[in-house]
Amino acid sequence: MLQIDIEDVEESKPSKRGRRAISHPTSTSSASSCHDKINKNNFSPRTFRLANTGKSSAREHIAMKDAFPKDKDVFIWEAIQHAAKDNDMLQEILEVVQDDVDRKDTLVEYV
């Protein structure tokens, strides 16, 4: 006949390994970086439309043409230009934005 020994097992406490520590910013630059993030509030409604259309165009170009562009900023700017190509309103906004270096940089960074 088969005999099985049963031992008393103590209840184990939950492991602390599964818990994640909460990260806190360690410097002023990392703390302020969340405030420097570009979002919808940085744009007028019309410029934001150009930004979103440009973002969609950039995603399409990445998926269909060039997944690893050599110069990201040039690639994104070309995608924004392509997005505005068939829309007169977006073309007008694009003409204004390309003359203003700060707005152009903000748009490219957002996209």
PDB file of N, CA and C in Angstrom:
ATOM      1  N   MET A   1       0.823  -1.170   0.000  1.00  0.00           N
ATOM      2  CA  MET A   1       0.000   0.000   0.000  1.00  0.00           C
ATOM      3  C   MET A   1       0.880   1.251   0.000  1.00  0.00           C
ATOM      4  N   LEU A   2       0.438   2.302  -0.705  1.00  0.00           N
ATOM      5  CA  LEU A   2       1.181   3.537  -0.846  1.00  0.00           C
ATOM      6  C   LEU A   2       0.869   4.468   0.318  1.00  0.00           C
ATOM      7  N   GLN A   3       1.911   5.009   0.929  1.00  0.00           N
ATOM      8  CA  GLN A   3       1.721   5.883   2.069  1.00  0.00           C
ATOM      9  C   GLN A   3       2.291   7.268   1.719  1.00  0.00           C
ATOM     10  N   ILE A   4       1.527   8.329   2.000  1.00  0.00           N
ATOM     11  CA  ILE A   4       1.946   9.699   1.712  1.00  0.00           C
ATOM     12  C   ILE A   4       2.074  10.437   3.026  1.00  0.00           C
ATOM     13  N   ASP A   5       3.228  11.056   3.212  1.00  0.00           N
ATOM     14  CA  ASP A   5       3.453  11.857   4.413  1.00  0.00           C
ATOM     15  C   ASP A   5       2.993  13.288   4.149  1.00  0.00           C
ATOM     16  N   ILE A   6       2.287  13.859   5.082  1.00  0.00           N
ATOM     17  CA  ILE A   6       1.807  15.225   4.968  1.00  0.00           C
ATOM     18  C   ILE A   6       2.509  16.046   6.036  1.00  0.00           C
ATOM     19  N   GLU A   7       3.117  17.142   5.578  1.00  0.00           N
ATOM     20  CA  GLU A   7       3.823  18.003   6.519  1.00  0.00           C
ATOM     21  C   GLU A   7       2.999  19.255   6.779  1.00  0.00           C
ATOM     22  N   ASP A   8       3.183  19.826   7.951  1.00  0.00           N
ATOM     23  CA  ASP A   8       2.551  21.103   8.251  1.00  0.00           C
ATOM     24  C   ASP A   8       3.308  22.197   7.489  1.00  0.00           C
ATOM     25  N   VAL A   9       2.568  23.020   6.819  1.00  0.00           N
ATOM     26  CA  VAL A   9       3.178  24.100   6.052  1.00  0.00           C
ATOM     27  C   VAL A   9       2.771  25.419   6.684  1.00  0.00           C
ATOM     28  N   GLU A  10       3.766  26.269   6.958  1.00  0.00           N
ATOM     29  CA  GLU A  10       3.473  27.579   7.533  1.00  0.00           C
ATOM     30  C   GLU A  10       2.975  28.502   6.425  1.00  0.00           C
ATOM     31  N   GLU A  11       2.085  29.412   6.805  1.00  0.00           N
ATOM     32  CA  GLU A  11       1.616  30.391   5.840  1.00  0.00           C
ATOM     33  C   GLU A  11       2.749  31.334   5.513  1.00  0.00           C
ATOM     34  N   SER A  12       2.956  31.540   4.233  1.00  0.00           N
ATOM     35  CA  SER A  12       4.030  32.449   3.845  1.00  0.00           C
ATOM     36  C   SER A  12       3.478  33.859   3.662  1.00  0.00           C
ATOM     37  N   LYS A  13       4.311  34.831   3.933  1.00  0.00           N
ATOM     38  CA  LYS A  13       3.930  36.226   3.758  1.00  0.00           C
ATOM     39  C   LYS A  13       4.117  36.602   2.289  1.00  0.00           C
ATOM     40  N   PRO A  14       3.310  37.514   1.780  1.00  0.00           N
ATOM     41  CA  PRO A  14       3.481  37.926   0.389  1.00  0.00           C
ATOM     42  C   PRO A  14       4.860  38.539   0.169  1.00  0.00           C
ATOM     43  N   SER A  15       5.415  38.245  -0.952  1.00  0.00           N
ATOM     44  CA  SER A  15       6.740  38.742  -1.298  1.00  0.00           C
ATOM     45  C   SER A  15       6.692  40.234  -1.606  1.00  0.00           C
ATOM     46  N   LYS A  16       7.729  40.938  -1.214  1.00  0.00           N
ATOM     47  CA  LYS A  16       7.826  42.365  -1.509  1.00  0.00           C
ATOM     48  C   LYS A  16       8.407  42.588  -2.907  1.00  0.00           C
ATOM     49  N   ARG A  17       8.860  41.527  -3.556  1.00  0.00           N
ATOM     50  CA  ARG A  17       9.476  41.660  -4.871  1.00  0.00           C
ATOM     51  C   ARG A  17       8.487  42.152  -5.925  1.00  0.00           C
ATOM     52  N   GLY A  18       7.226  41.828  -5.777  1.00  0.00           N
ATOM     53  CA  GLY A  18       6.224  42.200  -6.762  1.00  0.00           C
ATOM     54  C   GLY A  18       5.819  43.661  -6.702  1.00  0.00           C
ATOM     55  N   ARG A  19       6.166  44.348  -5.635  1.00  0.00           N
ATOM     56  CA  ARG A  19       5.778  45.750  -5.482  1.00  0.00           C
ATOM     57  C   ARG A  19       6.739  46.649  -6.252  1.00  0.00           C
ATOM     58  N   ARG A  20       6.195  47.681  -6.838  1.00  0.00           N
ATOM     59  CA  ARG A  20       7.024  48.631  -7.567  1.00  0.00           C
ATOM     60  C   ARG A  20       7.214  49.879  -6.735  1.00  0.00           C
ATOM     61  N   ALA A  21       8.398  50.397  -6.821  1.00  0.00           N
ATOM     62  CA  ALA A  21       8.687  51.634  -6.108  1.00  0.00           C
ATOM     63  C   ALA A  21       8.155  52.808  -6.926  1.00  0.00           C
ATOM     64  N   ILE A  22       7.736  53.832  -6.246  1.00  0.00           N
ATOM     65  CA  ILE A  22       7.268  55.042  -6.904  1.00  0.00           C
ATOM     66  C   ILE A  22       8.487  55.895  -7.207  1.00  0.00           C
ATOM     67  N   SER A  23       8.597  56.291  -8.469  1.00  0.00           N
ATOM     68  CA  SER A  23       9.757  57.099  -8.828  1.00  0.00           C
ATOM     69  C   SER A  23       9.448  58.567  -8.592  1.00  0.00           C
ATOM     70  N   HIS A  24      10.440  59.272  -8.157  1.00  0.00           N
ATOM     71  CA  HIS A  24      10.330  60.705  -7.908  1.00  0.00           C
ATOM     72  C   HIS A  24      11.425  61.407  -8.687  1.00  0.00           C
ATOM     73  N   PRO A  25      11.128  62.565  -9.253  1.00  0.00           N
ATOM     74  CA  PRO A  25      12.168  63.282  -9.974  1.00  0.00           C
ATOM     75  C   PRO A  25      13.332  63.617  -9.049  1.00  0.00           C
ATOM     76  N   THR A  26      14.546  63.517  -9.583  1.00  0.00           N
ATOM     77  CA  THR A  26      15.715  63.756  -8.754  1.00  0.00           C
ATOM     78  C   THR A  26      16.380  65.083  -9.040  1.00  0.00           C
ATOM     79  N   SER A  27      16.024  65.706 -10.154  1.00  0.00           N
ATOM     80  CA  SER A  27      16.627  66.991 -10.453  1.00  0.00           C
ATOM     81  C   SER A  27      15.561  67.953 -10.957  1.00  0.00           C
ATOM     82  N   THR A  28      15.917  69.212 -10.996  1.00  0.00           N
ATOM     83  CA  THR A  28      14.947  70.201 -11.449  1.00  0.00           C
ATOM     84  C   THR A  28      14.654  70.049 -12.932  1.00  0.00           C
ATOM     85  N   SER A  29      15.630  69.593 -13.714  1.00  0.00           N
ATOM     86  CA  SER A  29      15.375  69.452 -15.149  1.00  0.00           C
ATOM     87  C   SER A  29      14.365  68.344 -15.417  1.00  0.00           C
ATOM     88  N   SER A  30      14.444  67.236 -14.699  1.00  0.00           N
ATOM     89  CA  SER A  30      13.478  66.165 -14.935  1.00  0.00           C
ATOM     90  C   SER A  30      12.114  66.535 -14.377  1.00  0.00           C
ATOM     91  N   ALA A  31      12.087  67.357 -13.348  1.00  0.00           N
ATOM     92  CA  ALA A  31      10.801  67.782 -12.790  1.00  0.00           C
ATOM     93  C   ALA A  31      10.105  68.764 -13.718  1.00  0.00           C
ATOM     94  N   SER A  32      10.865  69.620 -14.379  1.00  0.00           N
ATOM     95  CA  SER A  32      10.242  70.610 -15.245  1.00  0.00           C
ATOM     96  C   SER A  32       9.942  70.057 -16.626  1.00  0.00           C
ATOM     97  N   SER A  33      10.515  68.907 -16.996  1.00  0.00           N
ATOM     98  CA  SER A  33      10.298  68.385 -18.339  1.00  0.00           C
ATOM     99  C   SER A  33       8.846  68.032 -18.591  1.00  0.00           C
ATOM    100  N   CYS A  34       8.111  67.641 -17.556  1.00  0.00           N
ATOM    101  CA  CYS A  34       6.706  67.318 -17.758  1.00  0.00           C
ATOM    102  C   CYS A  34       5.901  68.576 -18.070  1.00  0.00           C
ATOM    103  N   HIS A  35       6.386  69.748 -17.667  1.00  0.00           N
ATOM    104  CA  HIS A  35       5.695  70.995 -17.955  1.00  0.00           C
ATOM    105  C   HIS A  35       6.062  71.525 -19.340  1.00  0.00           C
ATOM    106  N   ASP A  36       7.165  71.047 -19.903  1.00  0.00           N
ATOM    107  CA  ASP A  36       7.621  71.502 -21.200  1.00  0.00           C
ATOM    108  C   ASP A  36       7.036  70.685 -22.341  1.00  0.00           C
ATOM    109  N   LYS A  37       6.253  69.678 -22.029  1.00  0.00           N
ATOM    110  CA  LYS A  37       5.689  68.819 -23.057  1.00  0.00           C
ATOM    111  C   LYS A  37       4.726  69.617 -23.928  1.00  0.00           C
ATOM    112  N   ILE A  38       4.849  69.420 -25.223  1.00  0.00           N
ATOM    113  CA  ILE A  38       3.981  70.134 -26.159  1.00  0.00           C
ATOM    114  C   ILE A  38       2.660  69.390 -26.262  1.00  0.00           C
ATOM    115  N   ASN A  39       1.567  70.143 -26.144  1.00  0.00           N
ATOM    116  CA  ASN A  39       0.239  69.533 -26.231  1.00  0.00           C
ATOM    117  C   ASN A  39      -0.695  70.450 -27.015  1.00  0.00           C
ATOM    118  N   LYS A  40      -1.951  70.093 -27.026  1.00  0.00           N
ATOM    119  CA  LYS A  40      -2.971  70.823 -27.792  1.00  0.00           C
ATOM    120  C   LYS A  40      -3.003  72.313 -27.445  1.00  0.00           C
ATOM    121  N   ASN A  41      -2.721  72.644 -26.216  1.00  0.00           N
ATOM    122  CA  ASN A  41      -2.792  74.034 -25.770  1.00  0.00           C
ATOM    123  C   ASN A  41      -1.725  74.929 -26.391  1.00  0.00           C
ATOM    124  N   ASN A  42      -0.705  74.325 -27.004  1.00  0.00           N
ATOM    125  CA  ASN A  42       0.348  75.105 -27.634  1.00  0.00           C
ATOM    126  C   ASN A  42      -0.040  75.610 -29.028  1.00  0.00           C
ATOM    127  N   PHE A  43      -1.202  75.209 -29.525  1.00  0.00           N
ATOM    128  CA  PHE A  43      -1.592  75.514 -30.896  1.00  0.00           C
ATOM    129  C   PHE A  43      -2.953  76.200 -30.955  1.00  0.00           C
ATOM    130  N   SER A  44      -3.133  76.962 -32.029  1.00  0.00           N
ATOM    131  CA  SER A  44      -4.474  77.453 -32.329  1.00  0.00           C
ATOM    132  C   SER A  44      -5.259  76.263 -32.881  1.00  0.00           C
ATOM    133  N   PRO A  45      -6.580  76.327 -32.912  1.00  0.00           N
ATOM    134  CA  PRO A  45      -7.355  75.201 -33.435  1.00  0.00           C
ATOM    135  C   PRO A  45      -6.961  74.806 -34.861  1.00  0.00           C
ATOM    136  N   ARG A  46      -6.693  75.782 -35.713  1.00  0.00           N
ATOM    137  CA  ARG A  46      -6.319  75.481 -37.096  1.00  0.00           C
ATOM    138  C   ARG A  46      -4.927  74.862 -37.171  1.00  0.00           C
ATOM    139  N   THR A  47      -3.983  75.382 -36.388  1.00  0.00           N
ATOM    140  CA  THR A  47      -2.636  74.824 -36.393  1.00  0.00           C
ATOM    141  C   THR A  47      -2.638  73.430 -35.778  1.00  0.00           C
ATOM    142  N   PHE A  48      -3.489  73.213 -34.791  1.00  0.00           N
ATOM    143  CA  PHE A  48      -3.587  71.880 -34.191  1.00  0.00           C
ATOM    144  C   PHE A  48      -4.122  70.875 -35.207  1.00  0.00           C
ATOM    145  N   ARG A  49      -5.032  71.327 -36.062  1.00  0.00           N
ATOM    146  CA  ARG A  49      -5.535  70.439 -37.121  1.00  0.00           C
ATOM    147  C   ARG A  49      -4.398  70.047 -38.063  1.00  0.00           C
ATOM    148  N   LEU A  50      -3.552  71.014 -38.422  1.00  0.00           N
ATOM    149  CA  LEU A  50      -2.380  70.719 -39.252  1.00  0.00           C
ATOM    150  C   LEU A  50      -1.452  69.739 -38.533  1.00  0.00           C
ATOM    151  N   ALA A  51      -1.256  69.954 -37.239  1.00  0.00           N
ATOM    152  CA  ALA A  51      -0.385  69.067 -36.463  1.00  0.00           C
ATOM    153  C   ALA A  51      -0.915  67.638 -36.453  1.00  0.00           C
ATOM    154  N   ASN A  52      -2.195  67.472 -36.214  1.00  0.00           N
ATOM    155  CA  ASN A  52      -2.773  66.121 -36.188  1.00  0.00           C
ATOM    156  C   ASN A  52      -2.765  65.467 -37.558  1.00  0.00           C
ATOM    157  N   THR A  53      -3.042  66.240 -38.594  1.00  0.00           N
ATOM    158  CA  THR A  53      -2.997  65.703 -39.950  1.00  0.00           C
ATOM    159  C   THR A  53      -1.564  65.318 -40.307  1.00  0.00           C
ATOM    160  N   GLY A  54      -0.622  66.147 -39.893  1.00  0.00           N
ATOM    161  CA  GLY A  54       0.789  65.843 -40.122  1.00  0.00           C
ATOM    162  C   GLY A  54       1.236  64.603 -39.362  1.00  0.00           C
ATOM    163  N   LYS A  55       0.731  64.442 -38.161  1.00  0.00           N
ATOM    164  CA  LYS A  55       1.071  63.259 -37.367  1.00  0.00           C
ATOM    165  C   LYS A  55       0.563  61.991 -38.054  1.00  0.00           C
ATOM    166  N   SER A  56      -0.642  62.037 -38.570  1.00  0.00           N
ATOM    167  CA  SER A  56      -1.200  60.886 -39.297  1.00  0.00           C
ATOM    168  C   SER A  56      -0.380  60.588 -40.549  1.00  0.00           C
ATOM    169  N   SER A  57       0.002  61.636 -41.248  1.00  0.00           N
ATOM    170  CA  SER A  57       0.806  61.469 -42.451  1.00  0.00           C
ATOM    171  C   SER A  57       2.170  60.872 -42.119  1.00  0.00           C
ATOM    172  N   ALA A  58       2.776  61.328 -41.034  1.00  0.00           N
ATOM    173  CA  ALA A  58       4.081  60.793 -40.624  1.00  0.00           C
ATOM    174  C   ALA A  58       3.967  59.316 -40.274  1.00  0.00           C
ATOM    175  N   ARG A  59       2.922  58.950 -39.570  1.00  0.00           N
ATOM    176  CA  ARG A  59       2.723  57.537 -39.231  1.00  0.00           C
ATOM    177  C   ARG A  59       2.565  56.696 -40.490  1.00  0.00           C
ATOM    178  N   GLU A  60       1.808  57.208 -41.453  1.00  0.00           N
ATOM    179  CA  GLU A  60       1.608  56.491 -42.718  1.00  0.00           C
ATOM    180  C   GLU A  60       2.939  56.326 -43.457  1.00  0.00           C
ATOM    181  N   HIS A  61       3.738  57.397 -43.517  1.00  0.00           N
ATOM    182  CA  HIS A  61       5.033  57.320 -44.190  1.00  0.00           C
ATOM    183  C   HIS A  61       5.961  56.326 -43.492  1.00  0.00           C
ATOM    184  N   ILE A  62       5.917  56.291 -42.161  1.00  0.00           N
ATOM    185  CA  ILE A  62       6.751  55.349 -41.417  1.00  0.00           C
ATOM    186  C   ILE A  62       6.330  53.919 -41.725  1.00  0.00           C
ATOM    187  N   ALA A  63       5.033  53.676 -41.758  1.00  0.00           N
ATOM    188  CA  ALA A  63       4.537  52.319 -41.991  1.00  0.00           C
ATOM    189  C   ALA A  63       4.733  51.862 -43.433  1.00  0.00           C
ATOM    190  N   MET A  64       4.563  52.761 -44.389  1.00  0.00           N
ATOM    191  CA  MET A  64       4.550  52.354 -45.788  1.00  0.00           C
ATOM    192  C   MET A  64       5.844  52.630 -46.551  1.00  0.00           C
ATOM    193  N   LYS A  65       6.615  53.618 -46.134  1.00  0.00           N
ATOM    194  CA  LYS A  65       7.753  54.026 -46.962  1.00  0.00           C
ATOM    195  C   LYS A  65       9.101  53.893 -46.261  1.00  0.00           C
ATOM    196  N   ASP A  66       9.235  54.476 -45.093  1.00  0.00           N
ATOM    197  CA  ASP A  66      10.554  54.544 -44.460  1.00  0.00           C
ATOM    198  C   ASP A  66      10.408  54.426 -42.950  1.00  0.00           C
ATOM    199  N   ALA A  67      10.602  53.229 -42.446  1.00  0.00           N
ATOM    200  CA  ALA A  67      10.433  53.001 -41.015  1.00  0.00           C
ATOM    201  C   ALA A  67      11.565  53.612 -40.191  1.00  0.00           C
ATOM    202  N   PHE A  68      12.706  53.831 -40.804  1.00  0.00           N
ATOM    203  CA  PHE A  68      13.864  54.359 -40.088  1.00  0.00           C
ATOM    204  C   PHE A  68      14.471  55.535 -40.857  1.00  0.00           C
ATOM    205  N   PRO A  69      13.811  56.697 -40.798  1.00  0.00           N
ATOM    206  CA  PRO A  69      14.332  57.853 -41.548  1.00  0.00           C
ATOM    207  C   PRO A  69      15.678  58.307 -40.999  1.00  0.00           C
ATOM    208  N   LYS A  70      16.534  58.775 -41.901  1.00  0.00           N
ATOM    209  CA  LYS A  70      17.876  59.223 -41.489  1.00  0.00           C
ATOM    210  C   LYS A  70      17.813  60.519 -40.699  1.00  0.00           C
ATOM    211  N   ASP A  71      17.062  61.472 -41.193  1.00  0.00           N
ATOM    212  CA  ASP A  71      16.905  62.753 -40.498  1.00  0.00           C
ATOM    213  C   ASP A  71      15.443  62.897 -40.106  1.00  0.00           C
ATOM    214  N   LYS A  72      15.166  62.670 -38.838  1.00  0.00           N
ATOM    215  CA  LYS A  72      13.785  62.636 -38.345  1.00  0.00           C
ATOM    216  C   LYS A  72      13.060  63.965 -38.560  1.00  0.00           C
ATOM    217  N   ASP A  73      13.711  65.079 -38.287  1.00  0.00           N
ATOM    218  CA  ASP A  73      13.053  66.376 -38.417  1.00  0.00           C
ATOM    219  C   ASP A  73      12.669  66.677 -39.866  1.00  0.00           C
ATOM    220  N   VAL A  74      13.576  66.373 -40.804  1.00  0.00           N
ATOM    221  CA  VAL A  74      13.274  66.579 -42.223  1.00  0.00           C
ATOM    222  C   VAL A  74      12.134  65.658 -42.646  1.00  0.00           C
ATOM    223  N   PHE A  75      12.190  64.420 -42.201  1.00  0.00           N
ATOM    224  CA  PHE A  75      11.149  63.439 -42.518  1.00  0.00           C
ATOM    225  C   PHE A  75       9.788  63.918 -42.030  1.00  0.00           C
ATOM    226  N   ILE A  76       9.731  64.411 -40.797  1.00  0.00           N
ATOM    227  CA  ILE A  76       8.464  64.883 -40.224  1.00  0.00           C
ATOM    228  C   ILE A  76       7.975  66.131 -40.956  1.00  0.00           C
ATOM    229  N   TRP A  77       8.875  67.058 -41.260  1.00  0.00           N
ATOM    230  CA  TRP A  77       8.464  68.270 -41.963  1.00  0.00           C
ATOM    231  C   TRP A  77       7.895  67.923 -43.344  1.00  0.00           C
ATOM    232  N   GLU A  78       8.519  66.984 -44.039  1.00  0.00           N
ATOM    233  CA  GLU A  78       8.004  66.551 -45.340  1.00  0.00           C
ATOM    234  C   GLU A  78       6.630  65.884 -45.199  1.00  0.00           C
ATOM    235  N   ALA A  79       6.434  65.136 -44.124  1.00  0.00           N
ATOM    236  CA  ALA A  79       5.130  64.506 -43.880  1.00  0.00           C
ATOM    237  C   ALA A  79       4.058  65.568 -43.618  1.00  0.00           C
ATOM    238  N   ILE A  80       4.411  66.615 -42.892  1.00  0.00           N
ATOM    239  CA  ILE A  80       3.467  67.717 -42.631  1.00  0.00           C
ATOM    240  C   ILE A  80       3.119  68.418 -43.941  1.00  0.00           C
ATOM    241  N   GLN A  81       4.131  68.668 -44.776  1.00  0.00           N
ATOM    242  CA  GLN A  81       3.885  69.305 -46.065  1.00  0.00           C
ATOM    243  C   GLN A  81       2.982  68.429 -46.944  1.00  0.00           C
ATOM    244  N   HIS A  82       3.231  67.150 -46.934  1.00  0.00           N
ATOM    245  CA  HIS A  82       2.418  66.218 -47.708  1.00  0.00           C
ATOM    246  C   HIS A  82       0.967  66.218 -47.203  1.00  0.00           C
ATOM    247  N   ALA A  83       0.787  66.299 -45.890  1.00  0.00           N
ATOM    248  CA  ALA A  83      -0.553  66.300 -45.301  1.00  0.00           C
ATOM    249  C   ALA A  83      -1.343  67.534 -45.707  1.00  0.00           C
ATOM    250  N   ALA A  84      -0.660  68.659 -45.870  1.00  0.00           N
ATOM    251  CA  ALA A  84      -1.335  69.916 -46.200  1.00  0.00           C
ATOM    252  C   ALA A  84      -1.535  70.103 -47.702  1.00  0.00           C
ATOM    253  N   LYS A  85      -0.935  69.237 -48.481  1.00  0.00           N
ATOM    254  CA  LYS A  85      -0.905  69.409 -49.940  1.00  0.00           C
ATOM    255  C   LYS A  85      -2.285  69.562 -50.577  1.00  0.00           C
ATOM    256  N   ASP A  86      -3.255  68.776 -50.156  1.00  0.00           N
ATOM    257  CA  ASP A  86      -4.569  68.761 -50.810  1.00  0.00           C
ATOM    258  C   ASP A  86      -5.638  69.575 -50.089  1.00  0.00           C
ATOM    259  N   ASN A  87      -5.249  70.345 -49.088  1.00  0.00           N
ATOM    260  CA  ASN A  87      -6.219  71.097 -48.302  1.00  0.00           C
ATOM    261  C   ASN A  87      -5.803  72.563 -48.277  1.00  0.00           C
ATOM    262  N   ASP A  88      -6.624  73.438 -48.843  1.00  0.00           N
ATOM    263  CA  ASP A  88      -6.279  74.858 -48.947  1.00  0.00           C
ATOM    264  C   ASP A  88      -6.080  75.510 -47.583  1.00  0.00           C
ATOM    265  N   MET A  89      -6.952  75.200 -46.626  1.00  0.00           N
ATOM    266  CA  MET A  89      -6.821  75.789 -45.294  1.00  0.00           C
ATOM    267  C   MET A  89      -5.501  75.364 -44.644  1.00  0.00           C
ATOM    268  N   LEU A  90      -5.176  74.059 -44.720  1.00  0.00           N
ATOM    269  CA  LEU A  90      -3.932  73.577 -44.130  1.00  0.00           C
ATOM    270  C   LEU A  90      -2.724  74.149 -44.867  1.00  0.00           C
ATOM    271  N   GLN A  91      -2.857  74.349 -46.172  1.00  0.00           N
ATOM    272  CA  GLN A  91      -1.771  74.937 -46.956  1.00  0.00           C
ATOM    273  C   GLN A  91      -1.493  76.376 -46.505  1.00  0.00           C
ATOM    274  N   GLU A  92      -2.551  77.135 -46.218  1.00  0.00           N
ATOM    275  CA  GLU A  92      -2.389  78.511 -45.718  1.00  0.00           C
ATOM    276  C   GLU A  92      -1.663  78.506 -44.374  1.00  0.00           C
ATOM    277  N   ILE A  93      -2.066  77.620 -43.479  1.00  0.00           N
ATOM    278  CA  ILE A  93      -1.430  77.537 -42.162  1.00  0.00           C
ATOM    279  C   ILE A  93       0.036  77.142 -42.318  1.00  0.00           C
ATOM    280  N   LEU A  94       0.292  76.214 -43.212  1.00  0.00           N
ATOM    281  CA  LEU A  94       1.653  75.750 -43.448  1.00  0.00           C
ATOM    282  C   LEU A  94       2.548  76.895 -43.914  1.00  0.00           C
ATOM    283  N   GLU A  95       2.032  77.733 -44.799  1.00  0.00           N
ATOM    284  CA  GLU A  95       2.801  78.877 -45.291  1.00  0.00           C
ATOM    285  C   GLU A  95       3.160  79.837 -44.164  1.00  0.00           C
ATOM    286  N   VAL A  96       2.237  80.045 -43.238  1.00  0.00           N
ATOM    287  CA  VAL A  96       2.502  80.927 -42.095  1.00  0.00           C
ATOM    288  C   VAL A  96       3.520  80.284 -41.156  1.00  0.00           C
ATOM    289  N   VAL A  97       3.346  79.003 -40.895  1.00  0.00           N
ATOM    290  CA  VAL A  97       4.209  78.296 -39.935  1.00  0.00           C
ATOM    291  C   VAL A  97       5.640  78.185 -40.456  1.00  0.00           C
ATOM    292  N   GLN A  98       5.814  77.944 -41.741  1.00  0.00           N
ATOM    293  CA  GLN A  98       7.177  77.741 -42.228  1.00  0.00           C
ATOM    294  C   GLN A  98       8.010  79.013 -42.195  1.00  0.00           C
ATOM    295  N   ASP A  99       7.375  80.179 -42.088  1.00  0.00           N
ATOM    296  CA  ASP A  99       8.112  81.436 -41.964  1.00  0.00           C
ATOM    297  C   ASP A  99       8.506  81.744 -40.520  1.00  0.00           C
ATOM    298  N   ASP A 100       7.914  81.055 -39.565  1.00  0.00           N
ATOM    299  CA  ASP A 100       8.186  81.271 -38.145  1.00  0.00           C
ATOM    300  C   ASP A 100       8.928  80.047 -37.595  1.00  0.00           C
ATOM    301  N   VAL A 101      10.223  80.196 -37.358  1.00  0.00           N
ATOM    302  CA  VAL A 101      11.078  79.073 -36.959  1.00  0.00           C
ATOM    303  C   VAL A 101      10.603  78.429 -35.661  1.00  0.00           C
ATOM    304  N   ASP A 102      10.198  79.238 -34.681  1.00  0.00           N
ATOM    305  CA  ASP A 102       9.749  78.680 -33.397  1.00  0.00           C
ATOM    306  C   ASP A 102       8.478  77.847 -33.558  1.00  0.00           C
ATOM    307  N   ARG A 103       7.524  78.369 -34.309  1.00  0.00           N
ATOM    308  CA  ARG A 103       6.278  77.613 -34.530  1.00  0.00           C
ATOM    309  C   ARG A 103       6.543  76.340 -35.322  1.00  0.00           C
ATOM    310  N   LYS A 104       7.434  76.427 -36.306  1.00  0.00           N
ATOM    311  CA  LYS A 104       7.776  75.259 -37.114  1.00  0.00           C
ATOM    312  C   LYS A 104       8.426  74.184 -36.233  1.00  0.00           C
ATOM    313  N   ASP A 105       9.369  74.593 -35.385  1.00  0.00           N
ATOM    314  CA  ASP A 105      10.035  73.650 -34.479  1.00  0.00           C
ATOM    315  C   ASP A 105       9.044  73.013 -33.509  1.00  0.00           C
ATOM    316  N   THR A 106       8.126  73.813 -33.000  1.00  0.00           N
ATOM    317  CA  THR A 106       7.101  73.292 -32.080  1.00  0.00           C
ATOM    318  C   THR A 106       6.219  72.276 -32.791  1.00  0.00           C
ATOM    319  N   LEU A 107       5.832  72.585 -34.008  1.00  0.00           N
ATOM    320  CA  LEU A 107       4.996  71.680 -34.794  1.00  0.00           C
ATOM    321  C   LEU A 107       5.715  70.368 -35.078  1.00  0.00           C
ATOM    322  N   VAL A 108       6.969  70.451 -35.499  1.00  0.00           N
ATOM    323  CA  VAL A 108       7.759  69.250 -35.791  1.00  0.00           C
ATOM    324  C   VAL A 108       7.955  68.429 -34.529  1.00  0.00           C
ATOM    325  N   GLU A 109       8.235  69.080 -33.426  1.00  0.00           N
ATOM    326  CA  GLU A 109       8.427  68.353 -32.162  1.00  0.00           C
ATOM    327  C   GLU A 109       7.146  67.652 -31.720  1.00  0.00           C
ATOM    328  N   TYR A 110       5.998  68.284 -31.906  1.00  0.00           N
ATOM    329  CA  TYR A 110       4.738  67.679 -31.536  1.00  0.00           C
ATOM    330  C   TYR A 110       4.438  66.449 -32.377  1.00  0.00           C
ATOM    331  N   VAL A 111       4.658  66.581 -33.680  1.00  0.00           N
ATOM    332  CA  VAL A 111       4.384  65.474 -34.588  1.00  0.00           C
ATOM    333  C   VAL A 111       5.367  64.353 -34.314  1.00  0.00           C
TER     334      VAL A 111
END
